[in-house]
């Protein structure tokens, strides 16, 4: 499923209604977005404790991503994806985020169009 040597917490098919697009008519409506997220993180503590406080909370991730999409009202999917990835890296215990955002209603002959990005946490000065 995921080609990684790390543990992954993922969200598949998060549905969000948001203002997105460059055309004037797109700025006054919401459109559906489908978002997939893979957060590489160490789940070993939660795997042993069986305690949600030791886990990366995917419900909180979904709530945050939905709120960010709705608040940002981005023109470009590229911009939205970059902002979401940066926010996830800043807020959650993850060292790598891969996400895709699809607009399923953007191009009629296509099932969906979209972007996929991967971003990494910046090494802190303590890592040196």
C-alpha atoms as a PDB file:
ATOM      1  CA  UNK A   1       0.000   0.000   0.000  1.00  0.00           C
ATOM      2  CA  UNK A   2       2.602   2.604   1.077  1.00  0.00           C
ATOM      3  CA  UNK A   3       6.211   2.318  -0.046  1.00  0.00           C
ATOM      4  CA  UNK A   4       8.001   3.459   3.083  1.00  0.00           C
ATOM      5  CA  UNK A   5      10.188   2.160   5.854  1.00  0.00           C
ATOM      6  CA  UNK A   6       8.233   4.198   8.419  1.00  0.00           C
ATOM      7  CA  UNK A   7       4.896   3.704  10.106  1.00  0.00           C
ATOM      8  CA  UNK A   8       2.042   5.553   8.404  1.00  0.00           C
ATOM      9  CA  UNK A   9      -1.192   7.018   9.683  1.00  0.00           C
ATOM     10  CA  UNK A  10      -3.441   7.722   6.716  1.00  0.00           C
ATOM     11  CA  UNK A  11      -6.715   9.297   5.705  1.00  0.00           C
ATOM     12  CA  UNK A  12      -8.272   8.238   2.412  1.00  0.00           C
ATOM     13  CA  UNK A  13     -11.027  10.103   0.628  1.00  0.00           C
ATOM     14  CA  UNK A  14     -11.667  12.962   3.071  1.00  0.00           C
ATOM     15  CA  UNK A  15     -14.515  14.939   1.526  1.00  0.00           C
ATOM     16  CA  UNK A  16     -14.423  18.708   2.011  1.00  0.00           C
ATOM     17  CA  UNK A  17     -16.608  21.428   0.488  1.00  0.00           C
ATOM     18  CA  UNK A  18     -14.542  24.585  -0.010  1.00  0.00           C
ATOM     19  CA  UNK A  19     -14.112  27.670  -2.127  1.00  0.00           C
ATOM     20  CA  UNK A  20     -11.337  26.783  -4.591  1.00  0.00           C
ATOM     21  CA  UNK A  21     -10.501  28.042  -8.052  1.00  0.00           C
ATOM     22  CA  UNK A  22      -9.292  30.963 -10.130  1.00  0.00           C
ATOM     23  CA  UNK A  23     -12.433  31.829 -12.045  1.00  0.00           C
ATOM     24  CA  UNK A  24     -14.844  34.438 -10.736  1.00  0.00           C
ATOM     25  CA  UNK A  25     -17.728  31.960 -10.586  1.00  0.00           C
ATOM     26  CA  UNK A  26     -15.581  29.595  -8.497  1.00  0.00           C
ATOM     27  CA  UNK A  27     -15.023  32.276  -5.873  1.00  0.00           C
ATOM     28  CA  UNK A  28     -18.736  32.405  -4.944  1.00  0.00           C
ATOM     29  CA  UNK A  29     -19.486  28.670  -4.626  1.00  0.00           C
ATOM     30  CA  UNK A  30     -18.065  25.704  -2.806  1.00  0.00           C
ATOM     31  CA  UNK A  31     -16.755  22.697  -4.685  1.00  0.00           C
ATOM     32  CA  UNK A  32     -16.059  19.171  -3.465  1.00  0.00           C
ATOM     33  CA  UNK A  33     -12.491  18.171  -2.757  1.00  0.00           C
ATOM     34  CA  UNK A  34     -11.251  14.628  -2.089  1.00  0.00           C
ATOM     35  CA  UNK A  35      -8.135  14.495   0.048  1.00  0.00           C
ATOM     36  CA  UNK A  36      -5.802  11.590   0.801  1.00  0.00           C
ATOM     37  CA  UNK A  37      -3.144  12.045   3.483  1.00  0.00           C
ATOM     38  CA  UNK A  38      -0.242   9.845   4.590  1.00  0.00           C
ATOM     39  CA  UNK A  39       1.612  10.929   7.732  1.00  0.00           C
ATOM     40  CA  UNK A  40       4.829   9.071   8.450  1.00  0.00           C
ATOM     41  CA  UNK A  41       5.272   8.794  12.201  1.00  0.00           C
ATOM     42  CA  UNK A  42       6.348   6.369  14.909  1.00  0.00           C
ATOM     43  CA  UNK A  43       3.287   4.472  16.146  1.00  0.00           C
ATOM     44  CA  UNK A  44       5.194   2.066  18.407  1.00  0.00           C
ATOM     45  CA  UNK A  45       4.170   3.756  21.678  1.00  0.00           C
ATOM     46  CA  UNK A  46       0.452   3.634  20.782  1.00  0.00           C
ATOM     47  CA  UNK A  47       0.832   0.069  19.539  1.00  0.00           C
ATOM     48  CA  UNK A  48       2.028  -0.972  23.005  1.00  0.00           C
ATOM     49  CA  UNK A  49      -0.155   1.264  25.199  1.00  0.00           C
ATOM     50  CA  UNK A  50      -3.444   1.035  23.253  1.00  0.00           C
ATOM     51  CA  UNK A  51      -3.998   4.631  24.422  1.00  0.00           C
ATOM     52  CA  UNK A  52      -5.232   7.297  22.001  1.00  0.00           C
ATOM     53  CA  UNK A  53      -3.125   9.936  23.776  1.00  0.00           C
ATOM     54  CA  UNK A  54      -0.046   8.100  22.435  1.00  0.00           C
ATOM     55  CA  UNK A  55      -1.403   8.079  18.869  1.00  0.00           C
ATOM     56  CA  UNK A  56      -1.521  10.568  16.040  1.00  0.00           C
ATOM     57  CA  UNK A  57      -5.224  11.418  16.183  1.00  0.00           C
ATOM     58  CA  UNK A  58      -6.617  11.061  12.656  1.00  0.00           C
ATOM     59  CA  UNK A  59      -9.978  12.570  13.709  1.00  0.00           C
ATOM     60  CA  UNK A  60      -8.155  15.756  14.715  1.00  0.00           C
ATOM     61  CA  UNK A  61      -6.208  15.663  11.437  1.00  0.00           C
ATOM     62  CA  UNK A  62      -9.462  15.436   9.450  1.00  0.00           C
ATOM     63  CA  UNK A  63     -11.074  18.250  11.431  1.00  0.00           C
ATOM     64  CA  UNK A  64      -8.020  20.488  10.973  1.00  0.00           C
ATOM     65  CA  UNK A  65      -7.631  19.784   7.246  1.00  0.00           C
ATOM     66  CA  UNK A  66     -11.324  20.484   6.661  1.00  0.00           C
ATOM     67  CA  UNK A  67     -11.130  23.765   8.589  1.00  0.00           C
ATOM     68  CA  UNK A  68      -7.952  24.863   6.777  1.00  0.00           C
ATOM     69  CA  UNK A  69      -9.495  24.151   3.364  1.00  0.00           C
ATOM     70  CA  UNK A  70     -12.601  26.143   4.190  1.00  0.00           C
ATOM     71  CA  UNK A  71     -10.714  29.073   5.749  1.00  0.00           C
ATOM     72  CA  UNK A  72      -8.009  29.442   3.112  1.00  0.00           C
ATOM     73  CA  UNK A  73     -10.267  29.770   0.056  1.00  0.00           C
ATOM     74  CA  UNK A  74      -7.241  29.111  -2.149  1.00  0.00           C
ATOM     75  CA  UNK A  75      -7.207  29.729  -5.856  1.00  0.00           C
ATOM     76  CA  UNK A  76      -4.825  26.885  -6.696  1.00  0.00           C
ATOM     77  CA  UNK A  77      -4.777  23.292  -5.466  1.00  0.00           C
ATOM     78  CA  UNK A  78      -0.982  23.584  -5.395  1.00  0.00           C
ATOM     79  CA  UNK A  79      -1.185  26.404  -2.848  1.00  0.00           C
ATOM     80  CA  UNK A  80      -3.785  24.613  -0.748  1.00  0.00           C
ATOM     81  CA  UNK A  81      -1.750  21.399  -0.712  1.00  0.00           C
ATOM     82  CA  UNK A  82       1.402  23.243   0.353  1.00  0.00           C
ATOM     83  CA  UNK A  83      -0.403  25.043   3.175  1.00  0.00           C
ATOM     84  CA  UNK A  84      -2.006  21.857   4.452  1.00  0.00           C
ATOM     85  CA  UNK A  85       1.307  19.975   4.396  1.00  0.00           C
ATOM     86  CA  UNK A  86       3.107  22.793   6.233  1.00  0.00           C
ATOM     87  CA  UNK A  87       0.361  22.960   8.874  1.00  0.00           C
ATOM     88  CA  UNK A  88       0.379  19.182   9.391  1.00  0.00           C
ATOM     89  CA  UNK A  89       4.151  19.124   9.815  1.00  0.00           C
ATOM     90  CA  UNK A  90       3.982  22.008  12.300  1.00  0.00           C
ATOM     91  CA  UNK A  91       1.127  20.614  14.397  1.00  0.00           C
ATOM     92  CA  UNK A  92       1.530  16.834  14.403  1.00  0.00           C
ATOM     93  CA  UNK A  93       4.306  14.377  15.281  1.00  0.00           C
ATOM     94  CA  UNK A  94       5.146  13.469  11.708  1.00  0.00           C
ATOM     95  CA  UNK A  95       8.375  13.720   9.758  1.00  0.00           C
ATOM     96  CA  UNK A  96       6.901  13.293   6.275  1.00  0.00           C
ATOM     97  CA  UNK A  97       3.526  14.168   4.766  1.00  0.00           C
ATOM     98  CA  UNK A  98       2.246  13.003   1.399  1.00  0.00           C
ATOM     99  CA  UNK A  99      -1.121  14.285   0.334  1.00  0.00           C
ATOM    100  CA  UNK A 100      -3.263  14.478  -2.734  1.00  0.00           C
ATOM    101  CA  UNK A 101      -6.165  16.795  -3.399  1.00  0.00           C
ATOM    102  CA  UNK A 102      -8.617  16.058  -6.196  1.00  0.00           C
ATOM    103  CA  UNK A 103     -11.381  18.188  -7.685  1.00  0.00           C
ATOM    104  CA  UNK A 104     -13.833  15.594  -8.981  1.00  0.00           C
ATOM    105  CA  UNK A 105     -16.140  18.085 -10.719  1.00  0.00           C
ATOM    106  CA  UNK A 106     -13.523  20.318 -12.379  1.00  0.00           C
ATOM    107  CA  UNK A 107     -13.231  18.657 -15.806  1.00  0.00           C
ATOM    108  CA  UNK A 108     -16.343  16.839 -17.006  1.00  0.00           C
ATOM    109  CA  UNK A 109     -14.626  14.130 -19.109  1.00  0.00           C
ATOM    110  CA  UNK A 110     -12.246  13.281 -16.212  1.00  0.00           C
ATOM    111  CA  UNK A 111     -13.093  11.477 -12.987  1.00  0.00           C
ATOM    112  CA  UNK A 112     -10.970  14.054 -11.170  1.00  0.00           C
ATOM    113  CA  UNK A 113      -7.995  16.377 -11.521  1.00  0.00           C
ATOM    114  CA  UNK A 114      -5.611  17.298  -8.764  1.00  0.00           C
ATOM    115  CA  UNK A 115      -2.170  17.422  -7.235  1.00  0.00           C
ATOM    116  CA  UNK A 116      -0.025  15.237  -5.021  1.00  0.00           C
ATOM    117  CA  UNK A 117       2.844  16.563  -2.916  1.00  0.00           C
ATOM    118  CA  UNK A 118       5.332  15.259  -0.380  1.00  0.00           C
ATOM    119  CA  UNK A 119       6.895  17.466   2.266  1.00  0.00           C
ATOM    120  CA  UNK A 120       9.391  16.736   5.036  1.00  0.00           C
ATOM    121  CA  UNK A 121       9.820  18.223   8.490  1.00  0.00           C
ATOM    122  CA  UNK A 122      12.732  20.595   8.730  1.00  0.00           C
ATOM    123  CA  UNK A 123      15.573  19.334  10.871  1.00  0.00           C
ATOM    124  CA  UNK A 124      15.784  21.255  14.133  1.00  0.00           C
ATOM    125  CA  UNK A 125      19.052  22.744  15.345  1.00  0.00           C
ATOM    126  CA  UNK A 126      19.091  20.015  18.017  1.00  0.00           C
ATOM    127  CA  UNK A 127      19.359  17.372  15.270  1.00  0.00           C
ATOM    128  CA  UNK A 128      22.865  18.451  14.272  1.00  0.00           C
END
